[in-house]
Amino acid sequence: MRTIFFILRKEFKQIFRNKAMLPLIFVMPMVQLLILPLAADYEVKNINLAVVDHDHSSYSQKLISKISSSGYFRLSGYFNSYHEAFHQIEKDQADLILEIPSKFERNLVRENHEQVFIAVNAINGTKAGLGGSYLTQVLTDFNSQIQLDWVQLPRFNLQPRIDITYSNWFNASMNFQYFMVPGILAILVTMIGSYMTALNIVKEKEIGTIEQINVTPIRKHHFILGKLIPFWILGIFVFSVGLFVVSFLIYGIVPQGNLFLLYGFLSIYLVAILGFGLLVSTYSDTQQQAMSVSFFFVMIFLLMSGLFTPIDSMPEWAKMISRISPITYFIEVMRMVVLKGSTFSDIKFHFLIITGFATVIMSWAILNYRKTT
């Protein structure tokens, strides 16, 4: 223990003497946690809509007003022809075109039927799909409103009717930031644990001090523990600041579950991630190599972790990759404990999986470090 204590004191002195590393550890994660949830939002708004109104009637004006007041569309202009409106799409100044035919109101009144034309810029598939869906829903509501205005309902409705009431659980306000903040916090802790550990050990190789350490009486497990424990502590510290300062004070997210359960999972997860950083360092000779290898794996695990895209919507081969990523299980546990208040019985499978990851990755890193040295 005395040997490990001296190594830990050396490591903490090196960390706090490095003026470039301190912002990477403490400032950058907090700034990212403040900014990313505000930008990462699946709800598409401010969709530019070009309108071609050939009717200029009261009904067409009501329809355009209803679309504008929905909060999702922004009128980019009125045009006299479809060709002019399509030119707006070519200049990327419009996302959708709504063409209202002439005699729109007259056909609705006399024939109880009329058609409108919608053209969608499908370069951005997500925005096109949601934009077309929003506009179709507005048109459906407008159609229902017209039918209610025309049809005189009887005083007593003899037809059976189902009244639906609903409530939103775990995120009553349906605030998308509540869903994103726990996942982004998990990603930030992962990046700190993997990158910093790999770079710190590889730096010893670059400056040549690793050879001096190898010829000293310091045993291998002393050296590894001395290298990993500081970043294990820093990972918990950054997680705590993000959870209690940024998540609670800025976004108003109050953890619903047991914090000891969350920190217990975090402790095991950090062992797996630190082991991954140690493993990368055993295969790398320079910090550039270590950063490239870490970035390669972290980006794959990040995009397939369920942070942005639901895992259930992925193809089978992508689901298999997501299930061999420890980040996937940490994000799931964060959302389950923080938002749903899940207990140990709900996440015991996640505990088992992450313990297996930590054992395998750390054992592989230690054995490979022995071979290379």
Protein backbone atom coordinates (compact mmCIF):
# COMPACT_ATOMS: atom_id res chain seq x y z
CA MET A 1 0.00 0.00 0.00
CA ARG A 2 2.87 2.38 0.74
CA THR A 3 4.23 1.87 -2.77
CA ILE A 4 0.83 2.48 -4.34
CA PHE A 5 0.43 5.62 -2.25
CA PHE A 6 3.67 7.09 -3.61
CA ILE A 7 2.68 6.23 -7.18
CA LEU A 8 -0.74 7.83 -6.68
CA ARG A 9 0.85 10.99 -5.30
CA LYS A 10 3.15 11.12 -8.33
CA GLU A 11 0.24 10.64 -10.75
CA PHE A 12 -1.93 13.31 -9.17
CA LYS A 13 0.98 15.77 -9.22
CA GLN A 14 1.52 15.06 -12.91
CA ILE A 15 -2.15 15.52 -13.69
CA PHE A 16 -2.49 18.85 -11.90
CA ARG A 17 0.82 20.16 -13.26
CA ASN A 18 -0.33 19.56 -16.82
CA LYS A 19 -2.12 22.81 -17.70
CA ALA A 20 -3.43 21.38 -20.96
CA MET A 21 -4.97 18.28 -19.34
CA LEU A 22 -6.95 20.06 -16.64
CA PRO A 23 -9.41 21.75 -19.02
CA LEU A 24 -9.87 18.45 -20.86
CA ILE A 25 -10.80 16.69 -17.63
CA PHE A 26 -12.90 19.29 -15.83
CA VAL A 27 -14.04 22.06 -18.17
CA MET A 28 -14.69 20.33 -21.49
CA PRO A 29 -17.14 17.67 -20.16
CA MET A 30 -19.22 20.29 -18.36
CA VAL A 31 -19.41 22.54 -21.43
CA GLN A 32 -20.39 19.59 -23.60
CA LEU A 33 -23.06 18.54 -21.12
CA LEU A 34 -24.46 22.06 -21.19
CA ILE A 35 -24.53 22.41 -24.98
CA LEU A 36 -25.19 18.95 -26.45
CA PRO A 37 -28.63 18.30 -24.88
CA LEU A 38 -29.86 21.61 -26.29
CA ALA A 39 -28.87 20.63 -29.84
CA ALA A 40 -29.62 16.89 -29.73
CA ASP A 41 -33.37 16.98 -30.24
CA TYR A 42 -35.38 14.64 -32.46
CA GLU A 43 -38.22 17.12 -32.80
CA VAL A 44 -37.97 18.97 -36.11
CA LYS A 45 -39.13 22.57 -36.09
CA ASN A 46 -38.82 25.65 -38.32
CA ILE A 47 -39.60 23.66 -41.47
CA ASN A 48 -39.58 26.06 -44.40
CA LEU A 49 -42.82 25.83 -46.34
CA ALA A 50 -43.44 27.38 -49.76
CA VAL A 51 -47.11 27.94 -50.56
CA VAL A 52 -48.66 28.09 -54.01
CA ASP A 53 -52.24 29.27 -53.57
CA HIS A 54 -54.24 29.26 -56.80
CA ASP A 55 -57.57 29.78 -55.01
CA HIS A 56 -57.05 32.79 -52.68
CA SER A 57 -60.26 31.93 -50.86
CA SER A 58 -61.24 32.12 -47.21
CA TYR A 59 -60.76 28.36 -46.82
CA SER A 60 -57.28 28.40 -48.30
CA GLN A 61 -56.33 31.27 -45.99
CA LYS A 62 -57.70 29.37 -42.98
CA LEU A 63 -55.63 26.34 -44.00
CA ILE A 64 -52.45 28.39 -44.33
CA SER A 65 -53.09 30.09 -41.00
CA LYS A 66 -53.60 26.74 -39.30
CA ILE A 67 -50.32 25.46 -40.72
CA SER A 68 -48.45 28.60 -39.61
CA SER A 69 -49.88 28.44 -36.08
CA SER A 70 -48.88 24.79 -35.58
CA GLY A 71 -45.39 25.85 -34.46
CA TYR A 72 -43.56 23.49 -36.80
CA PHE A 73 -43.62 25.43 -40.06
CA ARG A 74 -42.16 28.71 -41.20
CA LEU A 75 -43.57 30.22 -44.38
CA SER A 76 -40.76 30.96 -46.79
CA GLY A 77 -43.06 32.77 -49.19
CA TYR A 78 -46.12 32.76 -51.44
CA PHE A 79 -45.61 31.94 -55.09
CA ASN A 80 -47.73 32.09 -58.22
CA SER A 81 -46.58 28.79 -59.71
CA TYR A 82 -45.13 25.46 -58.70
CA HIS A 83 -42.02 26.17 -60.78
CA GLU A 84 -41.22 29.26 -58.69
CA ALA A 85 -41.70 27.33 -55.44
CA PHE A 86 -39.57 24.43 -56.69
CA HIS A 87 -36.80 26.91 -57.42
CA GLN A 88 -36.82 27.71 -53.67
CA ILE A 89 -36.17 24.04 -52.91
CA GLU A 90 -33.29 24.02 -55.39
CA LYS A 91 -31.77 26.98 -53.55
CA ASP A 92 -32.32 25.15 -50.22
CA GLN A 93 -34.65 27.90 -49.02
CA ALA A 94 -37.72 25.65 -48.74
CA ASP A 95 -38.26 22.11 -47.43
CA LEU A 96 -41.85 21.54 -48.53
CA ILE A 97 -44.24 22.89 -51.13
CA LEU A 98 -47.99 23.07 -50.57
CA GLU A 99 -49.95 23.71 -53.75
CA ILE A 100 -53.63 24.60 -53.31
CA PRO A 101 -55.59 24.20 -56.54
CA SER A 102 -57.97 26.72 -57.95
CA LYS A 103 -61.65 26.33 -56.99
CA PHE A 104 -60.47 24.74 -53.73
CA GLU A 105 -63.28 26.20 -51.63
CA ARG A 106 -65.99 25.71 -54.26
CA ASN A 107 -65.18 22.01 -54.72
CA LEU A 108 -65.18 21.49 -50.97
CA VAL A 109 -68.60 23.09 -50.61
CA ARG A 110 -70.28 21.61 -53.67
CA GLU A 111 -68.57 18.24 -54.11
CA ASN A 112 -67.37 17.60 -50.54
CA HIS A 113 -64.00 16.63 -51.96
CA GLU A 114 -60.76 18.29 -53.04
CA GLN A 115 -57.06 17.49 -53.31
CA VAL A 116 -53.92 19.42 -52.49
CA PHE A 117 -50.40 18.70 -53.64
CA ILE A 118 -47.40 18.35 -51.34
CA ALA A 119 -43.79 18.18 -52.58
CA VAL A 120 -41.07 17.28 -50.06
CA ASN A 121 -37.33 17.87 -50.28
CA ALA A 122 -36.12 14.39 -49.30
CA ILE A 123 -32.37 15.03 -49.18
CA ASN A 124 -32.64 14.97 -45.40
CA GLY A 125 -34.76 11.84 -44.95
CA THR A 126 -35.59 12.47 -41.28
CA LYS A 127 -36.67 16.06 -41.82
CA ALA A 128 -38.62 15.09 -44.94
CA GLY A 129 -40.47 12.29 -43.20
CA LEU A 130 -41.36 14.30 -40.13
CA GLY A 131 -42.19 17.42 -42.11
CA GLY A 132 -44.52 15.54 -44.42
CA SER A 133 -46.11 13.79 -41.45
CA TYR A 134 -46.66 17.08 -39.59
CA LEU A 135 -48.22 18.71 -42.62
CA THR A 136 -50.47 15.70 -43.26
CA GLN A 137 -51.63 15.81 -39.64
CA VAL A 138 -52.47 19.51 -39.93
CA LEU A 139 -54.45 18.84 -43.09
CA THR A 140 -56.30 15.99 -41.35
CA ASP A 141 -57.21 18.25 -38.44
CA PHE A 142 -58.36 20.95 -40.85
CA ASN A 143 -60.52 18.42 -42.67
CA SER A 144 -62.08 17.27 -39.38
CA GLN A 145 -62.76 20.85 -38.39
CA ILE A 146 -64.57 21.48 -41.69
CA GLN A 147 -66.70 18.38 -41.22
CA LEU A 148 -67.70 19.52 -37.73
CA ASP A 149 -68.68 22.93 -39.10
CA TRP A 150 -70.85 21.40 -41.81
CA VAL A 151 -72.44 18.50 -39.99
CA GLN A 152 -75.12 19.36 -37.42
CA LEU A 153 -74.77 16.85 -34.62
CA PRO A 154 -77.93 15.65 -32.82
CA ARG A 155 -78.57 16.73 -29.29
CA PHE A 156 -78.18 13.18 -28.04
CA ASN A 157 -75.48 11.12 -29.72
CA LEU A 158 -76.72 7.52 -29.80
CA GLN A 159 -73.48 6.14 -31.23
CA PRO A 160 -71.02 4.54 -28.78
CA ARG A 161 -67.99 6.64 -28.01
CA ILE A 162 -64.68 5.94 -26.27
CA ASP A 163 -63.10 8.74 -24.26
CA ILE A 164 -59.34 8.40 -23.87
CA THR A 165 -57.35 9.82 -21.00
CA TYR A 166 -53.62 9.29 -20.70
CA SER A 167 -50.67 10.23 -18.54
CA ASN A 168 -46.95 10.41 -19.31
CA TRP A 169 -44.82 8.36 -16.96
CA PHE A 170 -41.18 9.02 -15.99
CA ASN A 171 -41.07 12.19 -18.16
CA ALA A 172 -44.40 13.90 -17.64
CA SER A 173 -43.48 17.05 -19.57
CA MET A 174 -42.05 14.98 -22.44
CA ASN A 175 -38.87 17.04 -22.26
CA PHE A 176 -36.38 15.46 -24.64
CA GLN A 177 -33.45 16.85 -22.62
CA TYR A 178 -34.41 14.57 -19.73
CA PHE A 179 -33.82 11.65 -22.07
CA MET A 180 -30.54 12.95 -23.51
CA VAL A 181 -28.69 14.31 -20.47
CA PRO A 182 -28.13 10.94 -18.68
CA GLY A 183 -26.90 9.36 -21.92
CA ILE A 184 -24.53 12.21 -22.75
CA LEU A 185 -23.15 12.15 -19.20
CA ALA A 186 -22.40 8.44 -19.63
CA ILE A 187 -20.56 9.18 -22.89
CA LEU A 188 -18.45 11.93 -21.30
CA VAL A 189 -17.38 9.68 -18.44
CA THR A 190 -16.48 7.01 -20.99
CA MET A 191 -14.33 9.37 -23.05
CA ILE A 192 -12.45 10.65 -20.01
CA GLY A 193 -11.77 7.15 -18.68
CA SER A 194 -10.63 5.64 -21.98
CA TYR A 195 -8.73 8.54 -23.54
CA MET A 196 -6.96 9.82 -20.46
CA THR A 197 -5.80 6.38 -19.32
CA ALA A 198 -4.47 5.39 -22.73
CA LEU A 199 -2.67 8.69 -23.27
CA ASN A 200 -1.20 8.78 -19.78
CA ILE A 201 0.46 5.36 -20.05
CA VAL A 202 1.61 5.85 -23.65
CA LYS A 203 3.18 9.15 -22.62
CA GLU A 204 5.49 7.16 -20.34
CA LYS A 205 6.63 5.23 -23.42
CA GLU A 206 7.23 8.35 -25.49
CA ILE A 207 9.40 10.12 -22.92
CA GLY A 208 11.20 6.91 -21.97
CA THR A 209 10.24 6.76 -18.29
CA ILE A 210 8.44 3.44 -18.75
CA GLU A 211 11.80 1.69 -19.08
CA GLN A 212 13.04 3.28 -15.88
CA ILE A 213 9.88 2.15 -14.07
CA ASN A 214 10.26 -1.40 -15.38
CA VAL A 215 13.74 -1.79 -13.84
CA THR A 216 12.64 -0.50 -10.43
CA PRO A 217 11.38 -2.82 -7.65
CA ILE A 218 7.84 -1.59 -8.33
CA ARG A 219 5.66 -4.56 -9.12
CA LYS A 220 3.40 -4.62 -12.10
CA HIS A 221 0.14 -4.53 -10.16
CA HIS A 222 1.45 -1.54 -8.19
CA PHE A 223 2.17 0.32 -11.41
CA ILE A 224 -1.19 -0.54 -12.99
CA LEU A 225 -3.19 0.38 -9.89
CA GLY A 226 -1.22 3.61 -9.54
CA LYS A 227 -2.07 4.51 -13.13
CA LEU A 228 -5.76 3.54 -13.05
CA ILE A 229 -6.94 4.66 -9.60
CA PRO A 230 -6.44 8.43 -10.23
CA PHE A 231 -8.62 8.34 -13.34
CA TRP A 232 -11.13 6.13 -11.55
CA ILE A 233 -11.44 8.85 -8.91
CA LEU A 234 -11.55 11.62 -11.52
CA GLY A 235 -14.25 9.74 -13.44
CA ILE A 236 -16.44 9.58 -10.33
CA PHE A 237 -15.77 13.25 -9.62
CA VAL A 238 -16.72 14.37 -13.15
CA PHE A 239 -19.82 12.17 -13.02
CA SER A 240 -20.85 13.71 -9.68
CA VAL A 241 -20.40 17.27 -10.95
CA GLY A 242 -22.39 16.48 -14.09
CA LEU A 243 -25.16 14.73 -12.15
CA PHE A 244 -25.63 17.17 -9.29
CA VAL A 245 -24.53 20.49 -10.78
CA VAL A 246 -25.36 20.46 -14.48
CA SER A 247 -28.21 17.92 -14.60
CA PHE A 248 -29.93 19.09 -11.42
CA LEU A 249 -29.28 22.83 -11.34
CA ILE A 250 -29.38 23.55 -15.07
CA TYR A 251 -31.87 20.99 -16.44
CA GLY A 252 -33.81 20.26 -13.25
CA ILE A 253 -33.32 16.48 -13.48
CA VAL A 254 -33.77 14.85 -10.07
CA PRO A 255 -32.55 11.22 -9.89
CA GLN A 256 -35.52 9.03 -9.04
CA GLY A 257 -33.55 5.92 -8.09
CA ASN A 258 -31.01 4.96 -5.46
CA LEU A 259 -27.77 6.90 -5.85
CA PHE A 260 -25.72 4.19 -4.15
CA LEU A 261 -26.96 1.75 -6.77
CA LEU A 262 -25.99 4.16 -9.53
CA TYR A 263 -22.53 4.76 -8.10
CA GLY A 264 -22.03 1.03 -7.58
CA PHE A 265 -22.64 0.41 -11.26
CA LEU A 266 -20.45 3.39 -12.17
CA SER A 267 -17.57 1.98 -10.12
CA ILE A 268 -17.62 -1.32 -12.00
CA TYR A 269 -18.15 0.39 -15.33
CA LEU A 270 -15.10 2.62 -14.81
CA VAL A 271 -12.98 -0.49 -14.21
CA ALA A 272 -14.05 -1.79 -17.63
CA ILE A 273 -13.38 1.53 -19.36
CA LEU A 274 -10.03 2.05 -17.64
CA GLY A 275 -9.11 -1.48 -18.64
CA PHE A 276 -9.99 -0.57 -22.22
CA GLY A 277 -7.67 2.44 -22.03
CA LEU A 278 -4.91 0.26 -20.59
CA LEU A 279 -5.48 -2.28 -23.35
CA VAL A 280 -5.16 0.40 -26.03
CA SER A 281 -1.95 1.65 -24.46
CA THR A 282 -0.37 -1.82 -24.65
CA TYR A 283 -0.89 -1.85 -28.44
CA SER A 284 0.20 1.76 -29.01
CA ASP A 285 3.65 3.30 -28.99
CA THR A 286 2.68 6.95 -29.40
CA GLN A 287 -0.10 9.16 -28.12
CA GLN A 288 -1.31 9.70 -31.67
CA GLN A 289 -1.76 5.96 -32.15
CA ALA A 290 -3.56 5.64 -28.83
CA MET A 291 -5.91 8.52 -29.65
CA SER A 292 -6.71 7.09 -33.10
CA VAL A 293 -7.43 3.59 -31.80
CA SER A 294 -9.57 4.89 -28.93
CA PHE A 295 -11.47 7.22 -31.24
CA PHE A 296 -12.18 4.34 -33.64
CA PHE A 297 -13.80 2.13 -31.02
CA VAL A 298 -15.50 4.87 -29.02
CA MET A 299 -17.19 6.33 -32.11
CA ILE A 300 -18.58 2.92 -33.12
CA PHE A 301 -19.81 2.21 -29.60
CA LEU A 302 -21.21 5.74 -29.33
CA LEU A 303 -23.28 5.61 -32.52
CA MET A 304 -24.58 2.11 -31.75
CA SER A 305 -25.20 2.58 -28.04
CA GLY A 306 -28.80 3.75 -28.32
CA LEU A 307 -27.95 7.33 -27.40
CA PHE A 308 -29.38 8.82 -30.60
CA THR A 309 -31.00 5.88 -32.40
CA PRO A 310 -33.15 3.24 -30.64
CA ILE A 311 -31.45 -0.14 -30.65
CA ASP A 312 -34.72 -1.91 -31.51
CA SER A 313 -34.84 -0.10 -34.86
CA MET A 314 -31.35 -1.25 -35.86
CA PRO A 315 -30.68 -4.27 -38.10
CA GLU A 316 -29.69 -7.50 -36.40
CA TRP A 317 -25.96 -7.16 -37.08
CA ALA A 318 -25.99 -3.67 -35.53
CA LYS A 319 -27.87 -4.96 -32.48
CA MET A 320 -25.11 -7.54 -31.95
CA ILE A 321 -22.46 -4.82 -32.04
CA SER A 322 -24.44 -2.66 -29.61
CA ARG A 323 -24.71 -5.56 -27.16
CA ILE A 324 -20.93 -6.06 -27.02
CA SER A 325 -20.46 -2.40 -26.08
CA PRO A 326 -20.31 -1.55 -22.36
CA ILE A 327 -21.53 1.98 -23.17
CA THR A 328 -24.91 0.54 -24.17
CA TYR A 329 -25.53 -0.92 -20.73
CA PHE A 330 -24.34 2.17 -18.89
CA ILE A 331 -26.68 4.44 -20.87
CA GLU A 332 -29.59 2.07 -20.20
CA VAL A 333 -28.82 1.97 -16.47
CA MET A 334 -28.49 5.76 -16.31
CA ARG A 335 -31.91 6.27 -17.85
CA MET A 336 -33.52 3.50 -15.82
CA VAL A 337 -32.20 4.66 -12.46
CA VAL A 338 -32.29 8.44 -13.00
CA LEU A 339 -35.64 8.67 -14.82
CA LYS A 340 -37.57 5.53 -13.86
CA GLY A 341 -36.20 4.90 -10.38
CA SER A 342 -35.29 1.29 -11.18
CA THR A 343 -34.03 -0.97 -8.40
CA PHE A 344 -31.30 -3.60 -8.33
CA SER A 345 -33.70 -6.32 -9.44
CA ASP A 346 -34.38 -4.31 -12.61
CA ILE A 347 -30.71 -3.88 -13.56
CA LYS A 348 -29.11 -7.01 -12.11
CA PHE A 349 -28.58 -8.33 -15.64
CA HIS A 350 -26.73 -5.12 -16.50
CA PHE A 351 -24.59 -5.58 -13.38
CA LEU A 352 -23.72 -9.10 -14.46
CA ILE A 353 -22.82 -8.05 -18.00
CA ILE A 354 -20.70 -5.07 -16.99
CA THR A 355 -18.86 -7.17 -14.38
CA GLY A 356 -18.04 -9.63 -17.15
CA PHE A 357 -16.81 -6.80 -19.37
CA ALA A 358 -14.62 -5.42 -16.57
CA THR A 359 -13.12 -8.84 -15.81
CA VAL A 360 -12.39 -9.75 -19.42
CA ILE A 361 -11.05 -6.38 -20.56
CA MET A 362 -8.91 -5.77 -17.48
CA SER A 363 -7.49 -9.31 -17.56
CA TRP A 364 -6.69 -8.99 -21.25
CA ALA A 365 -4.97 -5.64 -20.68
CA ILE A 366 -2.88 -6.94 -17.77
CA LEU A 367 -1.80 -10.08 -19.62
CA ASN A 368 -0.96 -8.13 -22.76
CA TYR A 369 1.01 -5.60 -20.74
CA ARG A 370 3.08 -8.44 -19.28
CA LYS A 371 3.81 -9.78 -22.75
CA THR A 372 4.88 -6.46 -24.23
CA THR A 373 7.14 -5.52 -21.34
